């Protein structure tokens, strides 16, 4: 097996040039991402006819990644999701969604130029991204050393390893915000994608999509995905929690806990299938319900509501604390570790 790592400068920038890295295996499967935000811009996967297409949404122009209003493909930190009133304990964070703090704030990890080291192996290729976040950045306590490893193997599995350590008690919840559409350049939305996952419950949200601290059992609701459901069913549901977030999923799902928790996504027309496995206890599933058309995407890609699905694997907010499961809180000098893999194949 022969793996390749390609590298090019795609945009000169006053702060630092935006560099693109591509991991490619000998079957032609590849993953491309930027040093800016560790942002995934392309996953080229074959359909049932052997045609390789990009199965993640991407902006039309490289300049759009400087602001990245949709967080397309970006690493999210320090804390993914919403922090109510931009407050964690005694610490006041930067607000960027009304009075709340979203996805690490306006200067979160999606805006960081990460340091990059490439490593080629015979049966895999990886890029190690590192970032030092100083005590007080964004309002967070602790000097934090973060490392994220992107790895592609010869079986079309793309793995993300998250590692970090802080010198003070802090909060940390890392994820990736890739928008997947397995129908790729067809222009079709994801409503005919099938989603399967073993989830016990979802976090109840208020009108601002802030967790209330309560869990809603998934059984006999649109959130019961154990046998698989078309995303269309969620979009057409009249469930109160679905209506609150724009008629679709934008919810934190609690997995039935096992060593590796799994989400499967299938799209019949293309024949593509994606299996996501994670060591994290939960995942936010987002159907791009609130996506607008103000920021042009690559020609041929779906845009607007339901253009894609995000699977944001993560830890559990303190307000939803479940004994024994990892939460946002990270003790000083404690190692933060999690792994999420995406395996692409055919139905």
Protein backbone atom coordinates (compact mmCIF):
# COMPACT_ATOMS: atom_id res chain seq x y z
CA UNK A 1 0.00 0.00 0.00
CA UNK A 2 1.24 3.48 -0.85
CA UNK A 3 0.01 6.58 0.95
CA UNK A 4 0.61 10.15 -0.17
CA UNK A 5 0.58 13.55 1.52
CA UNK A 6 0.22 16.53 -0.82
CA UNK A 7 0.77 20.13 0.23
CA UNK A 8 0.07 23.48 -1.45
CA UNK A 9 -0.42 27.14 -0.55
CA UNK A 10 -3.93 28.18 -1.57
CA UNK A 11 -4.05 31.73 -0.24
CA UNK A 12 -1.51 34.26 0.96
CA UNK A 13 -2.64 35.93 4.17
CA UNK A 14 -1.14 38.79 6.21
CA UNK A 15 -1.12 36.71 9.40
CA UNK A 16 -0.03 33.43 7.82
CA UNK A 17 -0.50 31.70 4.48
CA UNK A 18 -3.41 29.29 4.22
CA UNK A 19 -1.98 25.88 3.38
CA UNK A 20 -3.89 22.85 2.14
CA UNK A 21 -2.84 19.29 2.97
CA UNK A 22 -4.24 16.20 1.26
CA UNK A 23 -3.99 12.63 2.57
CA UNK A 24 -4.52 10.11 -0.23
CA UNK A 25 -4.45 6.32 -0.39
CA UNK A 26 -3.74 4.13 -3.41
CA UNK A 27 -7.46 3.64 -4.10
CA UNK A 28 -7.89 7.35 -4.83
CA UNK A 29 -9.75 8.12 -1.60
CA UNK A 30 -8.53 11.39 -0.10
CA UNK A 31 -9.10 13.92 2.67
CA UNK A 32 -8.04 17.57 2.29
CA UNK A 33 -7.85 20.18 5.04
CA UNK A 34 -6.32 23.55 5.89
CA UNK A 35 -3.87 24.71 8.53
CA UNK A 36 -6.47 27.41 9.28
CA UNK A 37 -8.87 25.84 11.75
CA UNK A 38 -7.79 22.32 10.76
CA UNK A 39 -10.68 22.79 8.34
CA UNK A 40 -11.72 19.79 6.23
CA UNK A 41 -12.48 21.04 2.72
CA UNK A 42 -12.80 17.77 0.82
CA UNK A 43 -13.40 14.05 1.32
CA UNK A 44 -13.30 12.36 -2.07
CA UNK A 45 -15.24 9.09 -1.83
CA UNK A 46 -16.50 6.76 -4.60
CA UNK A 47 -20.16 6.11 -5.34
CA UNK A 48 -21.61 2.76 -6.49
CA UNK A 49 -20.36 3.46 -10.03
CA UNK A 50 -16.82 4.25 -8.90
CA UNK A 51 -17.15 8.01 -9.34
CA UNK A 52 -15.14 10.01 -6.79
CA UNK A 53 -16.87 13.13 -5.48
CA UNK A 54 -16.55 15.47 -2.52
CA UNK A 55 -18.96 14.35 0.23
CA UNK A 56 -18.46 17.40 2.50
CA UNK A 57 -19.70 20.92 1.85
CA UNK A 58 -17.02 23.42 0.82
CA UNK A 59 -17.03 27.16 0.14
CA UNK A 60 -16.69 28.41 -3.41
CA UNK A 61 -13.69 30.62 -2.56
CA UNK A 62 -10.72 30.05 -0.25
CA UNK A 63 -11.17 33.54 1.24
CA UNK A 64 -14.48 32.44 2.78
CA UNK A 65 -12.63 30.17 5.20
CA UNK A 66 -11.11 33.20 6.95
CA UNK A 67 -14.48 33.99 8.53
CA UNK A 68 -16.15 30.57 7.99
CA UNK A 69 -19.61 31.60 9.25
CA UNK A 70 -20.96 28.03 8.97
CA UNK A 71 -17.88 26.50 10.72
CA UNK A 72 -17.60 24.26 7.63
CA UNK A 73 -15.25 21.36 8.41
CA UNK A 74 -13.51 23.24 11.22
CA UNK A 75 -12.06 22.06 14.51
CA UNK A 76 -14.22 23.42 17.33
CA UNK A 77 -12.85 24.47 20.72
CA UNK A 78 -12.29 25.19 23.43
CA UNK A 79 -15.92 24.19 24.03
CA UNK A 80 -18.22 22.98 21.26
CA UNK A 81 -21.86 24.00 21.51
CA UNK A 82 -23.50 26.83 23.39
CA UNK A 83 -22.44 28.14 26.78
CA UNK A 84 -25.42 29.97 28.32
CA UNK A 85 -24.81 33.64 29.08
CA UNK A 86 -21.17 33.05 28.08
CA UNK A 87 -20.39 32.03 31.66
CA UNK A 88 -18.51 29.01 32.97
CA UNK A 89 -18.34 29.12 36.76
CA UNK A 90 -16.74 32.48 37.65
CA UNK A 91 -15.31 32.94 34.14
CA UNK A 92 -16.87 35.27 31.59
CA UNK A 93 -16.32 34.08 28.00
CA UNK A 94 -16.62 35.99 24.73
CA UNK A 95 -20.22 36.08 23.54
CA UNK A 96 -20.85 35.57 19.83
CA UNK A 97 -24.47 34.38 19.60
CA UNK A 98 -26.50 37.04 21.34
CA UNK A 99 -25.57 36.82 25.00
CA UNK A 100 -24.34 33.23 24.58
CA UNK A 101 -20.95 31.72 23.67
CA UNK A 102 -21.00 29.38 20.65
CA UNK A 103 -18.30 26.95 19.43
CA UNK A 104 -15.39 28.52 21.32
CA UNK A 105 -16.41 32.10 20.63
CA UNK A 106 -15.35 34.51 17.88
CA UNK A 107 -11.67 33.59 18.30
CA UNK A 108 -12.13 29.85 18.80
CA UNK A 109 -10.03 27.01 17.39
CA UNK A 110 -11.77 27.36 14.01
CA UNK A 111 -9.90 30.69 13.64
CA UNK A 112 -6.48 29.35 14.68
CA UNK A 113 -3.54 28.69 12.36
CA UNK A 114 -2.46 25.28 13.62
CA UNK A 115 1.14 24.05 13.53
CA UNK A 116 1.46 21.09 11.15
CA UNK A 117 3.68 18.02 11.08
CA UNK A 118 3.26 15.31 8.43
CA UNK A 119 4.04 11.61 8.89
CA UNK A 120 3.84 8.96 6.16
CA UNK A 121 3.58 5.25 6.96
CA UNK A 122 3.27 2.31 4.59
CA UNK A 123 -0.41 1.70 5.41
CA UNK A 124 -1.48 5.14 6.68
CA UNK A 125 -0.67 8.83 6.47
CA UNK A 126 -1.20 11.38 9.18
CA UNK A 127 -0.92 15.06 9.94
CA UNK A 128 -0.38 16.20 13.52
CA UNK A 129 -1.89 19.60 14.29
CA UNK A 130 -0.84 21.42 17.47
CA UNK A 131 -1.89 24.66 19.12
CA UNK A 132 -0.99 26.40 22.37
CA UNK A 133 -3.92 28.35 23.82
CA UNK A 134 -2.83 30.81 26.50
CA UNK A 135 -4.47 31.24 29.88
CA UNK A 136 -7.34 33.71 29.48
CA UNK A 137 -7.85 33.30 25.71
CA UNK A 138 -11.53 33.75 24.99
CA UNK A 139 -12.03 33.98 28.74
CA UNK A 140 -11.02 30.37 29.42
CA UNK A 141 -8.69 29.53 32.31
CA UNK A 142 -5.46 27.58 31.86
CA UNK A 143 -2.57 27.34 29.44
CA UNK A 144 -3.77 24.57 27.15
CA UNK A 145 -1.69 22.41 24.83
CA UNK A 146 -3.92 20.83 22.18
CA UNK A 147 -2.99 18.20 19.61
CA UNK A 148 -5.27 16.83 16.89
CA UNK A 149 -4.13 14.03 14.59
CA UNK A 150 -5.79 13.44 11.21
CA UNK A 151 -5.08 9.94 9.89
CA UNK A 152 -6.13 8.17 6.69
CA UNK A 153 -5.60 4.46 6.15
CA UNK A 154 -5.83 2.14 3.16
CA UNK A 155 -9.37 1.00 4.10
CA UNK A 156 -10.92 4.44 3.52
CA UNK A 157 -11.10 5.17 7.25
CA UNK A 158 -10.37 8.71 8.34
CA UNK A 159 -9.61 9.04 12.06
CA UNK A 160 -9.39 12.11 14.28
CA UNK A 161 -7.53 11.81 17.60
CA UNK A 162 -7.96 14.66 20.08
CA UNK A 163 -5.48 15.17 22.92
CA UNK A 164 -4.98 18.09 25.30
CA UNK A 165 -3.75 19.11 28.74
CA UNK A 166 -4.17 22.29 30.81
CA UNK A 167 -2.18 23.66 33.75
CA UNK A 168 -5.40 24.83 35.45
CA UNK A 169 -8.86 23.44 35.98
CA UNK A 170 -10.75 24.37 32.84
CA UNK A 171 -13.46 23.32 30.39
CA UNK A 172 -12.81 21.52 27.10
CA UNK A 173 -15.01 19.85 24.48
CA UNK A 174 -13.39 19.29 21.09
CA UNK A 175 -15.09 18.19 17.89
CA UNK A 176 -15.08 18.66 14.11
CA UNK A 177 -17.88 20.46 12.26
CA UNK A 178 -17.78 18.79 8.84
CA UNK A 179 -21.04 18.95 6.86
CA UNK A 180 -21.65 15.61 5.11
CA UNK A 181 -23.78 15.01 2.03
CA UNK A 182 -23.26 11.55 0.56
CA UNK A 183 -25.02 12.54 -2.67
CA UNK A 184 -22.07 14.90 -3.24
CA UNK A 185 -22.29 17.07 -6.36
CA UNK A 186 -25.82 16.02 -7.30
CA UNK A 187 -27.37 19.08 -5.66
CA UNK A 188 -29.71 16.83 -3.65
CA UNK A 189 -30.34 17.65 0.01
CA UNK A 190 -29.96 15.04 2.77
CA UNK A 191 -33.64 14.39 3.50
CA UNK A 192 -33.39 10.96 1.83
CA UNK A 193 -30.28 10.04 3.82
CA UNK A 194 -30.95 7.30 6.36
CA UNK A 195 -29.53 7.74 9.89
CA UNK A 196 -29.03 4.90 12.37
CA UNK A 197 -27.68 5.19 15.91
CA UNK A 198 -28.25 3.60 19.28
CA UNK A 199 -29.28 6.57 21.39
CA UNK A 200 -31.08 6.48 24.72
CA UNK A 201 -32.05 10.12 24.98
CA UNK A 202 -31.62 13.68 23.74
CA UNK A 203 -30.89 16.80 25.74
CA UNK A 204 -33.97 18.98 26.12
CA UNK A 205 -33.41 22.51 24.77
CA UNK A 206 -35.06 25.80 25.57
CA UNK A 207 -35.99 28.39 22.93
CA UNK A 208 -32.32 29.51 22.66
CA UNK A 209 -31.09 25.92 22.12
CA UNK A 210 -29.61 25.90 25.62
CA UNK A 211 -29.85 22.58 27.52
CA UNK A 212 -32.42 22.75 30.32
CA UNK A 213 -30.58 20.06 32.30
CA UNK A 214 -33.15 17.39 31.46
CA UNK A 215 -32.94 14.40 29.13
CA UNK A 216 -35.86 13.30 26.93
CA UNK A 217 -36.10 9.52 26.34
CA UNK A 218 -35.72 8.76 22.62
CA UNK A 219 -38.04 5.75 22.61
CA UNK A 220 -41.21 6.24 20.55
CA UNK A 221 -40.13 9.71 19.40
CA UNK A 222 -38.58 10.97 16.13
CA UNK A 223 -35.25 10.74 17.99
CA UNK A 224 -35.42 6.93 18.19
CA UNK A 225 -32.95 5.97 15.45
CA UNK A 226 -32.08 2.43 16.51
CA UNK A 227 -33.58 0.86 13.39
CA UNK A 228 -32.80 3.79 11.10
CA UNK A 229 -34.91 6.67 9.84
CA UNK A 230 -34.87 8.94 6.82
CA UNK A 231 -33.95 12.48 7.83
CA UNK A 232 -37.14 13.53 6.06
CA UNK A 233 -39.10 12.09 9.00
CA UNK A 234 -37.42 14.51 11.39
CA UNK A 235 -37.97 17.48 9.07
CA UNK A 236 -41.68 16.67 8.80
CA UNK A 237 -42.21 15.91 12.49
CA UNK A 238 -44.34 18.14 14.70
CA UNK A 239 -42.37 17.25 17.85
CA UNK A 240 -41.91 20.37 19.97
CA UNK A 241 -38.13 19.93 20.26
CA UNK A 242 -37.76 19.60 16.50
CA UNK A 243 -39.89 22.67 15.81
CA UNK A 244 -37.78 24.75 18.21
CA UNK A 245 -34.62 24.35 16.11
CA UNK A 246 -36.01 24.95 12.63
CA UNK A 247 -37.73 21.65 11.81
CA UNK A 248 -34.98 19.08 11.95
CA UNK A 249 -32.26 17.78 14.22
CA UNK A 250 -29.95 20.14 16.05
CA UNK A 251 -29.73 18.10 19.22
CA UNK A 252 -27.32 16.40 21.59
CA UNK A 253 -27.91 12.64 21.43
CA UNK A 254 -26.75 10.41 24.29
CA UNK A 255 -25.39 7.10 23.05
CA UNK A 256 -26.20 3.74 24.58
CA UNK A 257 -22.75 3.50 26.11
CA UNK A 258 -20.22 1.04 24.73
CA UNK A 259 -16.49 1.09 24.06
CA UNK A 260 -17.15 2.48 20.58
CA UNK A 261 -20.39 4.32 19.91
CA UNK A 262 -21.61 4.29 16.33
CA UNK A 263 -23.61 6.36 13.84
CA UNK A 264 -24.39 5.11 10.31
CA UNK A 265 -25.50 7.26 7.39
CA UNK A 266 -26.64 5.86 4.01
CA UNK A 267 -27.80 7.39 0.73
CA UNK A 268 -29.46 4.94 -1.64
CA UNK A 269 -29.09 6.76 -4.96
CA UNK A 270 -25.32 7.16 -4.72
CA UNK A 271 -24.91 3.88 -2.85
CA UNK A 272 -22.57 5.53 -0.35
CA UNK A 273 -22.41 4.64 3.32
CA UNK A 274 -20.51 6.33 6.18
CA UNK A 275 -19.95 4.71 9.57
CA UNK A 276 -18.85 6.99 12.40
CA UNK A 277 -17.36 5.43 15.53
CA UNK A 278 -16.36 7.39 18.62
CA UNK A 279 -15.13 7.05 22.16
CA UNK A 280 -17.21 10.12 23.10
CA UNK A 281 -20.47 9.59 25.01
CA UNK A 282 -22.64 11.88 22.87
CA UNK A 283 -22.99 13.61 19.51
CA UNK A 284 -24.82 16.65 18.23
CA UNK A 285 -26.68 15.75 15.05
CA UNK A 286 -27.41 18.83 12.95
CA UNK A 287 -29.32 18.79 9.65
CA UNK A 288 -28.33 22.34 8.61
CA UNK A 289 -31.92 23.40 9.34
CA UNK A 290 -30.88 27.04 9.72
CA UNK A 291 -28.42 27.22 6.85
CA UNK A 292 -28.97 30.15 4.50
CA UNK A 293 -27.75 30.72 0.95
CA UNK A 294 -25.73 33.87 1.65
CA UNK A 295 -22.33 32.19 1.47
CA UNK A 296 -21.70 30.46 -1.89
CA UNK A 297 -20.63 26.81 -1.85
CA UNK A 298 -18.85 24.79 -4.54
CA UNK A 299 -20.91 24.50 -7.73
CA UNK A 300 -23.19 21.45 -7.74
CA UNK A 301 -23.43 21.14 -3.97
CA UNK A 302 -26.73 21.44 -2.15
CA UNK A 303 -27.20 24.67 -0.22
CA UNK A 304 -29.67 26.14 2.24
CA UNK A 305 -31.69 24.13 4.79
CA UNK A 306 -30.99 20.37 4.83
CA UNK A 307 -27.94 20.73 2.59
CA UNK A 308 -25.94 18.40 4.85
CA UNK A 309 -25.71 16.58 8.14
CA UNK A 310 -23.14 17.24 10.88
CA UNK A 311 -22.14 14.55 13.38
CA UNK A 312 -20.34 16.44 16.15
CA UNK A 313 -19.06 13.81 18.58
CA UNK A 314 -18.40 15.26 22.01
CA UNK A 315 -18.55 15.23 25.78
CA UNK A 316 -21.53 16.14 27.96
CA UNK A 317 -22.19 19.65 29.36
CA UNK A 318 -22.08 19.91 33.13
CA UNK A 319 -25.75 20.89 33.19
CA UNK A 320 -26.51 17.39 31.87
CA UNK A 321 -24.05 15.60 34.12
CA UNK A 322 -24.26 11.80 34.10
CA UNK A 323 -21.99 10.07 36.65
CA UNK A 324 -19.16 8.17 35.01
CA UNK A 325 -19.34 9.88 31.61
CA UNK A 326 -16.84 12.52 30.43
CA UNK A 327 -18.01 16.11 30.88
CA UNK A 328 -16.71 19.47 29.63
CA UNK A 329 -14.78 20.00 32.86
CA UNK A 330 -11.08 19.12 32.67
CA UNK A 331 -8.92 19.00 35.79
CA UNK A 332 -5.48 20.59 35.81
CA UNK A 333 -2.84 18.29 34.25
CA UNK A 334 -5.47 15.66 33.39
CA UNK A 335 -5.09 14.17 29.89
CA UNK A 336 -7.99 14.86 27.53
CA UNK A 337 -8.29 12.12 24.90
CA UNK A 338 -10.95 11.08 22.44
CA UNK A 339 -11.12 9.41 19.03
CA UNK A 340 -13.64 9.56 16.22
CA UNK A 341 -13.34 7.66 12.93
CA UNK A 342 -15.27 7.94 9.66
CA UNK A 343 -15.29 4.87 7.41
CA UNK A 344 -16.65 5.18 3.88
CA UNK A 345 -18.00 2.32 1.80
CA UNK A 346 -20.98 1.18 -0.23
CA UNK A 347 -24.39 -0.04 0.86
